[in-house]
Protein backbone atom coordinates (compact mmCIF):
# COMPACT_ATOMS: atom_id res chain seq x y z
CA MET A 1 -147.82 139.29 -161.27
CA GLU A 2 -151.26 137.89 -159.66
CA SER A 3 -151.46 134.28 -159.27
CA PHE A 4 -154.37 132.66 -161.44
CA ASN A 5 -154.70 129.22 -160.74
CA LEU A 6 -156.89 126.98 -162.40
CA ILE A 7 -158.21 123.48 -161.73
CA PHE A 8 -160.17 121.08 -163.17
CA ILE A 9 -163.15 118.85 -160.92
CA SER A 10 -164.82 115.35 -162.04
CA PRO A 11 -168.36 114.71 -160.03
CA TRP A 12 -168.21 111.83 -157.04
CA GLN A 13 -169.93 108.84 -158.00
CA ASN A 14 -173.43 107.90 -157.21
CA SER A 15 -175.33 104.54 -155.58
CA GLN A 16 -177.05 103.39 -158.45
CA VAL A 17 -180.60 101.76 -158.17
CA VAL A 18 -180.71 98.37 -159.23
CA SER A 19 -182.89 95.33 -159.24
CA GLN A 20 -181.63 93.10 -156.26
CA ASN A 21 -181.69 90.41 -158.80
CA PHE A 22 -179.34 92.73 -160.84
CA ASN A 23 -176.64 92.34 -157.98
CA ILE A 24 -177.13 88.51 -157.40
CA ILE A 25 -176.73 87.47 -161.01
CA ARG A 26 -173.66 89.81 -161.34
CA ASP A 27 -171.58 88.54 -158.07
CA GLU A 28 -172.51 85.16 -159.42
CA LEU A 29 -170.91 86.07 -162.55
CA SER A 30 -167.80 87.97 -161.29
CA TYR A 31 -167.21 84.62 -158.45
CA CYS A 32 -166.78 82.55 -161.97
CA SER A 33 -165.42 84.96 -164.44
CA LYS A 34 -162.43 84.95 -162.13
CA ILE A 35 -162.02 81.35 -162.37
CA ALA A 36 -162.51 80.59 -165.97
CA ASN A 37 -160.59 83.90 -166.87
CA GLU A 38 -157.49 82.75 -164.85
CA SER A 39 -157.06 79.33 -167.53
CA ILE A 40 -156.89 82.32 -170.27
CA ILE A 41 -155.05 84.83 -169.10
CA ASN A 42 -152.18 83.10 -167.41
CA LYS A 43 -150.72 82.68 -170.23
CA PHE A 44 -149.93 86.66 -170.62
CA LEU A 45 -149.69 87.43 -166.81
CA ASN A 46 -148.09 86.48 -163.73
CA GLN A 47 -150.19 85.69 -160.52
CA ASP A 48 -150.01 89.21 -159.21
CA GLU A 49 -151.28 90.59 -162.34
CA ILE A 50 -153.87 87.69 -162.30
CA ILE A 51 -155.85 89.23 -159.31
CA ARG A 52 -156.33 92.71 -161.02
CA TYR A 53 -157.22 91.64 -164.36
CA SER A 54 -158.97 88.54 -163.76
CA ASP A 55 -162.17 89.63 -162.88
CA ILE A 56 -164.73 90.44 -166.22
CA ILE A 57 -166.21 93.05 -163.54
CA ARG A 58 -162.50 94.60 -163.06
CA TYR A 59 -163.07 98.17 -162.83
CA LYS A 60 -166.47 98.22 -160.35
CA ASN A 61 -164.15 99.48 -157.46
CA GLN A 62 -161.75 102.32 -159.36
CA ILE A 63 -162.63 105.34 -159.72
CA PRO A 64 -162.84 106.51 -163.82
CA ILE A 65 -160.54 109.30 -164.48
CA SER A 66 -161.38 111.95 -167.32
CA LEU A 67 -159.91 111.55 -170.32
CA GLY A 68 -161.27 114.77 -171.66
CA ILE A 69 -159.94 116.81 -168.83
CA ILE A 70 -156.70 115.24 -169.03
CA SER A 71 -156.54 115.84 -172.78
CA ILE A 72 -157.41 119.51 -172.00
CA MET A 73 -154.75 119.73 -169.19
CA THR A 74 -152.08 118.35 -171.68
CA TYR A 75 -152.54 121.07 -174.18
CA LEU A 76 -152.79 123.86 -171.67
CA LYS A 77 -149.61 122.53 -170.33
CA SER A 78 -148.19 122.67 -173.88
CA ASN A 79 -149.00 126.68 -173.43
CA GLY A 80 -147.27 127.68 -170.66
CA ILE A 81 -150.27 126.90 -168.51
CA GLU A 82 -150.15 125.02 -165.09
CA THR A 83 -153.36 123.14 -164.16
CA SER A 84 -154.69 120.49 -161.16
CA TYR A 85 -157.10 117.71 -161.17
CA ILE A 86 -159.17 116.83 -158.46
CA HIS A 87 -161.74 113.86 -158.97
CA MET A 88 -164.74 114.41 -155.77
CA GLU A 89 -164.69 110.69 -155.51
CA ASN A 90 -161.27 110.52 -153.77
CA GLU A 91 -162.22 113.45 -151.91
CA LYS A 92 -165.53 111.52 -150.25
CA GLN A 93 -163.61 108.72 -149.74
CA LYS A 94 -161.07 110.48 -148.01
CA TYR A 95 -163.55 111.97 -145.86
CA LYS A 96 -165.22 108.56 -145.35
CA SER A 97 -168.59 109.83 -146.86
CA ALA A 98 -168.96 111.43 -143.87
CA LYS A 99 -172.22 113.69 -143.14
CA GLY A 100 -171.15 117.26 -144.66
CA TRP A 101 -167.88 115.89 -146.31
CA LEU A 102 -169.00 117.67 -149.66
CA ASN A 103 -169.03 120.61 -148.11
CA ASP A 104 -165.99 120.25 -146.31
CA SER A 105 -163.82 118.75 -149.06
CA VAL A 106 -164.87 122.33 -151.24
CA LYS A 107 -163.62 124.39 -148.55
CA ASP A 108 -160.30 122.49 -148.44
CA ILE A 109 -160.11 122.50 -152.24
CA VAL A 110 -160.65 126.20 -152.44
CA GLU A 111 -157.50 126.95 -149.40
CA ARG A 112 -155.38 124.34 -150.97
CA TYR A 113 -155.39 125.53 -154.40
CA LYS A 114 -156.89 128.63 -153.96
CA PRO A 115 -158.31 128.78 -157.58
CA ALA A 116 -159.40 131.87 -159.56
CA MET A 117 -161.13 129.25 -161.86
CA ILE A 118 -162.69 125.69 -161.57
CA CYS A 119 -163.81 123.82 -164.62
CA ILE A 120 -166.08 120.90 -164.13
CA GLY A 121 -166.88 118.13 -166.47
CA SER A 122 -169.64 115.99 -166.12
CA THR A 123 -171.66 113.18 -168.40
CA THR A 124 -175.14 113.65 -168.40
CA ASN A 125 -176.21 110.98 -165.60
CA GLU A 126 -173.54 112.78 -163.74
CA THR A 127 -174.98 116.61 -164.24
CA ASN A 128 -177.29 116.78 -160.79
CA ARG A 129 -173.93 115.79 -159.06
CA ALA A 130 -172.08 118.64 -161.14
CA ILE A 131 -174.86 121.25 -160.02
CA GLN A 132 -174.44 120.80 -156.83
CA LEU A 133 -170.90 121.50 -156.82
CA CYS A 134 -171.46 124.80 -159.44
CA ARG A 135 -173.95 125.66 -156.83
CA LEU A 136 -172.01 125.13 -153.84
CA ILE A 137 -169.08 126.75 -155.26
CA LYS A 138 -171.51 129.90 -155.92
CA ALA A 139 -172.74 130.18 -153.14
CA GLN A 140 -169.31 129.77 -150.82
CA PHE A 141 -167.13 131.35 -153.38
CA PRO A 142 -168.63 133.83 -155.77
CA LYS A 143 -165.93 135.25 -157.06
CA ILE A 144 -164.49 132.14 -158.71
CA ILE A 145 -164.90 131.65 -162.34
CA ILE A 146 -166.72 128.55 -163.14
CA VAL A 147 -166.57 127.14 -166.82
CA VAL A 148 -168.70 123.72 -167.47
CA GLY A 149 -167.79 120.99 -170.44
CA GLY A 150 -168.45 117.69 -171.17
CA ASN A 151 -171.30 115.98 -173.42
CA HIS A 152 -173.91 116.98 -171.50
CA ALA A 153 -173.27 120.74 -171.20
CA THR A 154 -172.33 120.28 -175.01
CA HIS A 155 -176.06 120.15 -175.91
CA ARG A 156 -177.93 121.25 -172.77
CA PRO A 157 -175.99 124.32 -171.24
CA GLU A 158 -179.21 125.79 -170.08
CA ASP A 159 -178.78 123.29 -167.44
CA PHE A 160 -176.06 125.30 -165.84
CA LEU A 161 -176.30 128.90 -167.61
CA HIS A 162 -180.19 129.63 -166.54
CA ASP A 163 -179.36 129.62 -163.15
CA GLY A 164 -176.47 130.99 -163.01
CA LEU A 165 -174.32 128.32 -162.07
CA ALA A 166 -171.58 128.59 -164.42
CA ASP A 167 -170.33 131.49 -166.67
CA ILE A 168 -169.70 129.88 -169.28
CA ILE A 169 -170.01 126.37 -171.09
CA VAL A 170 -167.02 124.63 -173.50
CA ILE A 171 -168.70 123.12 -176.58
CA GLY A 172 -167.77 120.03 -178.09
CA GLU A 173 -164.10 119.62 -177.63
CA GLY A 174 -162.67 121.46 -174.77
CA GLU A 175 -159.05 122.52 -176.03
CA LYS A 176 -158.74 125.72 -177.89
CA PRO A 177 -162.06 127.16 -176.14
CA MET A 178 -160.01 126.47 -173.04
CA LEU A 179 -157.17 128.02 -173.59
CA SER A 180 -159.27 131.38 -174.99
CA ILE A 181 -161.25 131.28 -171.78
CA TYR A 182 -158.00 131.42 -169.84
CA ASP A 183 -156.79 134.31 -171.46
CA ARG A 184 -159.44 136.11 -171.37
CA ALA A 185 -160.11 135.62 -167.82
CA LYS A 186 -156.59 136.06 -166.91
CA LYS A 187 -156.84 139.51 -168.44
CA LYS A 188 -159.98 140.20 -166.90
CA GLN A 189 -161.75 140.63 -170.06
CA GLY A 190 -165.62 139.36 -170.75
CA PHE A 191 -166.67 136.05 -172.41
CA ASP A 192 -168.26 136.92 -175.32
CA ASN A 193 -167.63 135.60 -178.95
CA ILE A 194 -165.27 132.74 -178.04
CA ASP A 195 -165.72 130.27 -180.96
CA GLY A 196 -166.34 126.47 -178.75
CA THR A 197 -168.48 128.07 -176.04
CA ALA A 198 -172.23 128.94 -175.11
CA SER A 199 -172.62 131.83 -173.39
CA ILE A 200 -175.96 133.80 -171.57
CA LYS A 201 -177.12 137.36 -171.92
CA ASN A 202 -180.73 139.04 -171.10
CA GLY A 203 -181.79 135.43 -170.82
CA VAL A 204 -180.72 134.02 -173.85
CA ILE A 205 -178.09 131.58 -174.68
CA THR A 206 -176.18 131.92 -177.68
CA LYS A 207 -173.88 129.22 -179.06
CA HIS A 208 -170.53 130.64 -180.69
CA SER A 209 -168.79 128.24 -183.54
CA PRO A 210 -169.91 124.90 -181.72
CA SER A 211 -167.48 123.10 -184.36
CA VAL A 212 -164.68 124.09 -183.28
CA GLY A 213 -162.11 120.97 -182.94
CA ILE A 214 -158.18 120.68 -182.90
CA ASP A 215 -156.04 118.95 -185.04
CA LEU A 216 -154.71 115.83 -183.13
CA GLU A 217 -151.45 115.20 -184.92
CA THR A 218 -150.44 118.60 -183.94
CA ILE A 219 -150.77 118.04 -180.32
CA SER A 220 -149.83 115.72 -177.73
CA PRO A 221 -152.15 112.83 -176.08
CA PRO A 222 -153.22 113.29 -172.71
CA ASP A 223 -150.19 113.42 -170.16
CA PHE A 224 -150.85 111.07 -167.73
CA SER A 225 -148.20 112.49 -165.11
CA LEU A 226 -150.30 115.22 -164.42
CA ILE A 227 -152.65 112.90 -162.22
CA ASP A 228 -151.98 112.63 -158.59
CA ASP A 229 -150.21 109.72 -157.59
CA ASN A 230 -152.62 108.62 -155.46
CA LEU A 231 -155.25 109.00 -157.90
CA VAL A 232 -153.52 106.88 -160.58
CA LYS A 233 -153.40 104.35 -158.04
CA LYS A 234 -156.88 104.44 -157.59
CA GLY A 235 -157.90 105.31 -160.95
CA ILE A 236 -159.23 103.48 -163.93
CA LEU A 237 -156.70 104.53 -167.05
CA TYR A 238 -157.22 104.00 -170.47
CA THR A 239 -156.46 106.47 -173.94
CA MET A 240 -157.72 106.73 -177.20
CA PHE A 241 -155.58 106.66 -180.40
CA SER A 242 -158.27 108.69 -182.12
CA ARG A 243 -161.15 110.96 -181.90
CA GLY A 244 -164.49 110.73 -183.72
CA CYS A 245 -166.75 108.35 -185.62
CA VAL A 246 -168.32 108.01 -189.38
CA ASN A 247 -171.51 106.40 -188.15
CA GLN A 248 -174.95 107.77 -187.70
CA CYS A 249 -176.41 105.05 -185.06
CA VAL A 250 -179.26 107.81 -184.05
CA TYR A 251 -178.84 106.16 -180.01
CA CYS A 252 -174.76 107.89 -179.61
CA SER A 253 -174.46 111.59 -178.68
CA GLU A 254 -170.86 111.48 -179.99
CA LYS A 255 -171.91 112.16 -183.63
CA SER A 256 -173.05 115.56 -182.79
CA SER A 257 -170.67 116.38 -180.07
CA ASN A 258 -167.50 115.67 -182.66
CA ASN A 259 -168.98 115.96 -186.58
CA LYS A 260 -165.04 116.71 -188.14
CA GLY A 261 -165.24 112.94 -188.63
CA VAL A 262 -162.24 110.40 -187.49
CA LYS A 263 -158.54 111.92 -186.53
CA PHE A 264 -155.37 110.36 -185.14
CA TYR A 265 -152.68 111.23 -182.80
CA ASN A 266 -149.43 111.33 -184.48
CA VAL A 267 -148.60 107.57 -184.13
CA LYS A 268 -145.01 108.25 -182.51
CA LYS A 269 -146.66 110.37 -179.83
CA PHE A 270 -149.02 108.05 -178.86
CA ILE A 271 -146.37 105.48 -178.26
CA GLU A 272 -144.87 107.77 -176.42
CA THR A 273 -148.15 107.72 -173.77
CA LEU A 274 -147.96 104.15 -173.97
CA THR A 275 -144.43 103.77 -172.79
CA TYR A 276 -145.23 105.85 -169.80
CA ILE A 277 -148.54 104.14 -168.73
CA THR A 278 -147.03 100.25 -168.99
CA ASP A 279 -143.60 101.20 -167.61
CA ILE A 280 -143.98 103.91 -165.50
CA ILE A 281 -147.99 103.32 -164.14
CA LYS A 282 -147.29 100.19 -164.11
CA TRP A 283 -150.75 99.26 -165.98
CA ARG A 284 -150.68 96.01 -168.47
CA PHE A 285 -153.83 95.57 -169.73
CA VAL A 286 -154.45 99.36 -171.36
CA HIS A 287 -158.15 99.74 -173.04
CA LEU A 288 -158.06 101.67 -176.04
CA ALA A 289 -161.30 103.51 -176.09
CA ASP A 290 -161.40 104.62 -179.64
CA SER A 291 -165.55 104.43 -181.13
CA ASN A 292 -163.55 101.91 -183.60
CA PHE A 293 -159.56 101.31 -183.10
CA LEU A 294 -159.41 99.82 -186.30
CA ALA A 295 -161.75 102.37 -188.35
CA ASN A 296 -158.75 102.87 -190.58
CA GLU A 297 -156.09 100.21 -191.73
CA LYS A 298 -153.53 102.42 -192.71
CA LYS A 299 -152.92 104.18 -189.58
CA VAL A 300 -153.25 100.59 -188.07
CA ILE A 301 -150.31 99.33 -190.16
CA GLN A 302 -148.10 102.24 -188.82
CA PHE A 303 -149.21 102.23 -185.40
CA CYS A 304 -148.16 98.28 -185.55
CA ASP A 305 -145.00 99.18 -187.02
CA GLU A 306 -143.74 102.16 -183.90
CA LEU A 307 -145.28 99.36 -181.58
CA GLU A 308 -143.56 96.76 -182.40
CA GLU A 309 -140.09 98.78 -182.59
CA SER A 310 -141.12 100.05 -179.12
CA GLY A 311 -140.27 96.91 -177.73
CA ILE A 312 -143.45 97.59 -175.26
CA ASN A 313 -144.69 94.55 -173.25
CA ALA A 314 -148.35 94.91 -172.49
CA LEU A 315 -151.92 93.39 -173.38
CA PHE A 316 -154.50 95.51 -175.12
CA SER A 317 -158.31 96.11 -175.25
CA ILE A 318 -159.95 97.84 -178.36
CA ASN A 319 -163.29 98.30 -179.52
CA VAL A 320 -164.75 97.79 -182.91
CA ARG A 321 -167.65 97.55 -185.25
CA PRO A 322 -169.86 94.71 -185.99
CA ASP A 323 -168.68 94.69 -189.95
CA LEU A 324 -165.04 94.17 -188.83
CA SER A 325 -164.42 91.86 -191.35
CA LYS A 326 -165.52 94.27 -194.47
CA ILE A 327 -162.73 95.98 -193.60
CA ILE A 328 -160.04 94.69 -191.71
CA LYS A 329 -158.06 92.27 -193.64
CA LYS A 330 -157.08 88.84 -191.54
CA GLU A 331 -153.34 89.65 -191.72
CA THR A 332 -153.86 92.75 -189.89
CA ILE A 333 -155.57 91.06 -187.15
CA ILE A 334 -152.88 88.03 -186.59
CA ARG A 335 -150.35 90.80 -186.50
CA LEU A 336 -152.83 92.59 -183.54
CA ARG A 337 -152.55 89.39 -182.06
CA LYS A 338 -149.12 88.87 -181.53
CA LEU A 339 -148.57 92.73 -180.63
CA GLY A 340 -150.79 92.10 -177.50
CA PHE A 341 -154.48 92.96 -178.61
CA ILE A 342 -156.07 90.27 -176.49
CA GLU A 343 -159.47 91.62 -176.31
CA PHE A 344 -162.27 92.70 -179.35
CA LEU A 345 -165.10 94.72 -177.66
CA ILE A 346 -167.95 94.52 -179.95
CA GLY A 347 -171.20 97.03 -179.95
CA SER A 348 -173.47 94.39 -181.86
CA GLU A 349 -176.39 96.23 -180.12
CA SER A 350 -179.72 93.64 -181.47
CA GLY A 351 -179.83 90.35 -182.69
CA CYS A 352 -182.65 91.73 -185.26
CA ASP A 353 -181.54 93.52 -188.43
CA ARG A 354 -185.08 95.78 -188.47
CA VAL A 355 -184.19 97.36 -185.19
CA LEU A 356 -180.27 97.82 -186.73
CA GLN A 357 -181.58 99.59 -189.62
CA HIS A 358 -183.62 101.66 -187.44
CA ASN A 359 -181.12 102.84 -185.64
CA LYS A 360 -178.93 103.32 -188.49
CA ARG A 361 -176.15 100.81 -187.42
CA ASN A 362 -175.02 99.74 -191.13
CA HIS A 363 -174.65 96.47 -190.20
CA THR A 364 -176.53 93.12 -190.40
CA VAL A 365 -176.91 90.26 -187.47
CA LYS A 366 -174.89 88.11 -190.59
CA ASP A 367 -171.96 90.66 -190.29
CA LEU A 368 -171.64 90.29 -186.85
CA TYR A 369 -170.97 86.32 -187.25
CA ASN A 370 -168.51 86.96 -190.10
CA THR A 371 -166.71 88.79 -187.51
CA LEU A 372 -166.86 87.03 -184.72
CA ASN A 373 -166.01 83.72 -187.21
CA LEU A 374 -162.88 85.81 -188.09
CA LEU A 375 -161.78 86.95 -184.57
CA LYS A 376 -161.99 83.13 -183.71
CA GLU A 377 -159.60 82.34 -186.85
CA CYS A 378 -157.19 84.56 -185.87
CA GLN A 379 -157.05 83.50 -182.13
CA ILE A 380 -158.46 86.13 -179.60
CA PRO A 381 -159.17 84.80 -176.62
CA TYR A 382 -161.48 87.77 -175.15
CA VAL A 383 -164.21 88.58 -178.16
CA SER A 384 -167.30 90.18 -176.19
CA THR A 385 -170.03 92.11 -177.32
CA TYR A 386 -172.80 94.80 -176.11
CA TRP A 387 -176.31 94.62 -176.03
CA ILE A 388 -178.85 97.23 -175.81
CA VAL A 389 -182.35 96.46 -174.38
CA GLY A 390 -185.41 98.75 -175.70
CA LEU A 391 -184.04 100.89 -178.31
CA PRO A 392 -186.27 102.72 -180.34
CA SER A 393 -188.70 100.01 -182.34
CA ALA A 394 -187.54 97.49 -180.36
CA SER A 395 -190.32 94.96 -179.29
CA ILE A 396 -190.89 91.55 -177.57
CA GLU A 397 -190.09 89.87 -180.91
CA SER A 398 -187.19 91.91 -181.73
CA GLU A 399 -185.65 91.14 -178.10
CA LEU A 400 -186.22 87.55 -178.10
CA ARG A 401 -184.39 86.79 -181.10
CA THR A 402 -181.52 88.98 -179.47
CA LEU A 403 -181.90 86.39 -176.75
CA SER A 404 -181.48 83.57 -179.07
CA VAL A 405 -178.32 84.73 -180.84
CA MET A 406 -176.76 85.78 -177.80
CA LYS A 407 -177.58 82.27 -176.48
CA GLU A 408 -176.44 80.81 -179.74
CA LEU A 409 -172.90 83.13 -179.79
CA PHE A 410 -172.18 81.67 -176.31
CA ASP A 411 -172.87 77.84 -176.79
CA THR A 412 -170.29 77.84 -179.82
CA ASP A 413 -167.86 80.00 -178.09
CA LEU A 414 -167.88 82.64 -180.26
CA ILE A 415 -167.62 85.27 -177.46
CA TYR A 416 -166.16 85.26 -174.07
CA TYR A 417 -168.57 87.88 -172.69
CA GLY A 418 -172.21 89.60 -173.69
CA SER A 419 -172.82 92.51 -171.71
CA SER A 420 -176.64 93.95 -171.73
CA LYS A 421 -178.19 97.45 -170.69
CA PRO A 422 -181.42 99.14 -171.43
CA TYR A 423 -181.45 101.79 -174.18
CA ILE A 424 -180.71 105.76 -172.58
CA PRO A 425 -181.93 108.45 -174.59
CA LEU A 426 -179.23 110.78 -174.42
CA PRO A 427 -179.37 114.60 -174.78
CA GLY A 428 -177.81 115.63 -178.61
CA THR A 429 -179.73 112.12 -179.87
CA LEU A 430 -182.59 112.23 -182.33
CA PRO A 431 -184.30 109.98 -179.88
CA PHE A 432 -184.28 112.83 -177.14
CA ASN A 433 -184.66 115.22 -179.49
CA ASN A 434 -187.45 113.82 -181.39
CA PRO A 435 -189.04 111.30 -178.83
CA MET A 436 -192.43 110.67 -180.25
CA GLN A 437 -190.81 109.79 -183.70
CA TRP A 438 -188.98 107.30 -181.74
CA ASP A 439 -191.06 105.12 -179.97
CA ILE A 440 -190.34 106.91 -176.99
CA GLU A 441 -192.13 109.36 -174.37
CA ILE A 442 -189.50 110.96 -171.93
CA LYS A 443 -190.84 111.01 -168.56
CA SER A 444 -187.86 112.75 -166.25
CA TYR A 445 -185.35 114.74 -166.70
CA ASP A 446 -183.68 113.22 -163.29
CA TRP A 447 -180.50 112.70 -164.78
CA ASP A 448 -179.83 110.49 -162.36
CA LEU A 449 -181.45 108.24 -164.22
CA TYR A 450 -179.66 108.26 -167.73
CA ASP A 451 -177.44 105.78 -166.39
CA ARG A 452 -177.76 102.53 -168.17
CA TYR A 453 -178.00 100.21 -164.94
CA SER A 454 -180.26 103.05 -163.13
CA LEU A 455 -183.94 102.35 -162.69
CA PRO A 456 -187.09 103.25 -163.26
CA LEU A 457 -185.94 104.28 -166.80
CA PRO A 458 -186.52 107.67 -167.46
CA TYR A 459 -188.99 107.40 -170.76
CA VAL A 460 -191.79 105.37 -171.54
CA HIS A 461 -191.48 102.72 -174.69
CA ASN A 462 -194.21 102.57 -176.90
CA ASN A 463 -193.50 98.60 -177.34
CA LEU A 464 -192.06 97.46 -174.08
CA SER A 465 -193.19 98.02 -170.74
CA HIS A 466 -190.23 98.92 -167.73
CA TYR A 467 -190.71 95.40 -166.37
CA GLU A 468 -190.02 93.40 -169.90
CA ILE A 469 -187.17 96.17 -170.48
CA GLU A 470 -185.85 94.90 -167.07
CA SER A 471 -186.44 91.30 -167.48
CA LEU A 472 -184.90 90.92 -170.66
CA VAL A 473 -181.59 92.84 -169.26
CA LEU A 474 -181.77 90.18 -166.65
CA LEU A 475 -182.66 87.20 -168.84
CA MET A 476 -179.28 88.13 -171.04
CA GLN A 477 -177.32 88.50 -167.80
CA SER A 478 -178.61 85.34 -166.58
CA ILE A 479 -177.49 83.16 -170.20
CA GLN A 480 -174.18 85.09 -169.36
CA VAL A 481 -173.87 83.67 -166.08
CA ALA A 482 -174.78 79.81 -166.87
CA ALA A 483 -171.84 80.16 -169.34
CA PHE A 484 -169.44 81.08 -167.70
CA GLN A 485 -170.82 78.26 -165.10
CA ARG A 486 -169.91 75.82 -167.78
CA ARG A 487 -166.39 77.45 -168.40
CA SER A 488 -165.88 77.83 -164.58
CA LYS A 489 -167.16 74.04 -163.68
CA SER A 490 -167.78 76.27 -160.30
CA LYS A 491 -171.12 77.41 -158.83
CA LYS A 492 -170.86 80.10 -155.89
CA TYR A 493 -174.44 79.19 -155.64
CA ASP A 494 -176.33 75.91 -156.70
CA ILE A 495 -179.15 75.71 -158.55
CA VAL A 496 -181.42 75.78 -156.00
CA SER A 497 -179.96 78.32 -153.73
CA LEU A 498 -180.22 80.38 -156.71
CA LYS A 499 -183.35 79.78 -156.96
CA ASP A 500 -184.24 80.64 -153.62
CA LYS A 501 -182.28 83.77 -153.69
CA LEU A 502 -183.91 85.19 -156.62
CA ILE A 503 -187.21 83.95 -155.14
CA GLY A 504 -186.33 86.10 -152.09
CA SER A 505 -185.41 88.93 -153.45
CA TYR A 506 -188.69 89.69 -154.29
CA GLU A 507 -190.29 89.01 -151.27
CA GLN A 508 -188.15 91.40 -149.60
CA GLY A 509 -188.88 93.88 -152.27
CA HIS A 510 -188.08 94.32 -155.66
CA TYR A 511 -185.36 97.54 -155.41
CA LEU A 512 -183.21 98.49 -153.46
């Protein structure tokens, strides 16, 4: 029988256009965090491991492995289909970014794997690179079937279908649609009416049963043995116990991509995945990337029971809600702490209740304080907050309130880290679909600008200028640097030289 090889590809990473001052402040933060962190993390890790995990910006030089792609590959493997995964950043590094590396790399990949089908997954800010890949493959190897998936393609299939760059788009969760696409393609049948896909006919795009999903309890969690060893060594590895979110935050596209609520993997199977990550791959600090790991206390307790019985010796990082204190008992958090859960990441977003309410966050600033005090009582060593500057309805007054809250949290040692990024209106969200109703005007569909570090911003905020948003981000980062300088009792730059360096960056030009 003729072979029908299938490969998955993630786009390469792009240089981010940021303020020079951002890099200066980030450099100082990285330096101080390594020093401040050692006194905490040496209680959990040996000296070699501390080097890997002590920098608060610990993943900055690693390749982000697509958990969605690995999940689909795992499902296909359970149905007898062997696949391969290529991350183009890894390919780029092999060619040392030489001129023409992309063209040479694609030719080499096709020769090496001889694929009949290539599946490309990308986020919104990777879309331009995904389009470039599609165009290159179609031009040189027109017989290869191209499938595109991911959050951006789910909400904007037209970006790949109108120019004939993709043969079919996967919408939402990709396991079942990819199995159907593979079966149809192998039998040389058409792609009409496959649930969970979008296709184009006579210039008209149709989404076929876009709400199709999968029962996680019946399938295996992502199988990381499917990743090439070389890529594993360079990659950022994380996993998830659940998918989905019950919240309605207006700026988040997850709810519109997966509207089936929260669902969980089988606990025993998930523990097997953690055993592989910690025992075979030797990752000692594992991020569980669920939107809210503690969304279901009953499931959390089942997880704790199995984790305790497994004897896994690892540390864990999780995302939680600011209103955690309302939904999880203190004894459950204490138990998690004893089992190695030492980092709790909280999407605080704003220090202004009016902005939180407008963006349907369903929590208050008081809820955040209550949760942070609870986590301090439970002796969680790393409690970190994330803030979004320039949310719909935000103003100078609301952002200054957020700055005040953030500074107080650092001054009282309620938080360890407090990252801030500009707001980006992502496809699939209410502000992107109806911008004028949400205080913004979208000015650019250059998807490279839809990264939460890149400048300039792709939209105009009715209440805040680009420069005000950037300045507020830098102010928040400066508050954070000051806290780490205090903790580390060490400064790479003294106050005078740091000030001179910042002023010098403006004299040299505002943007890199």
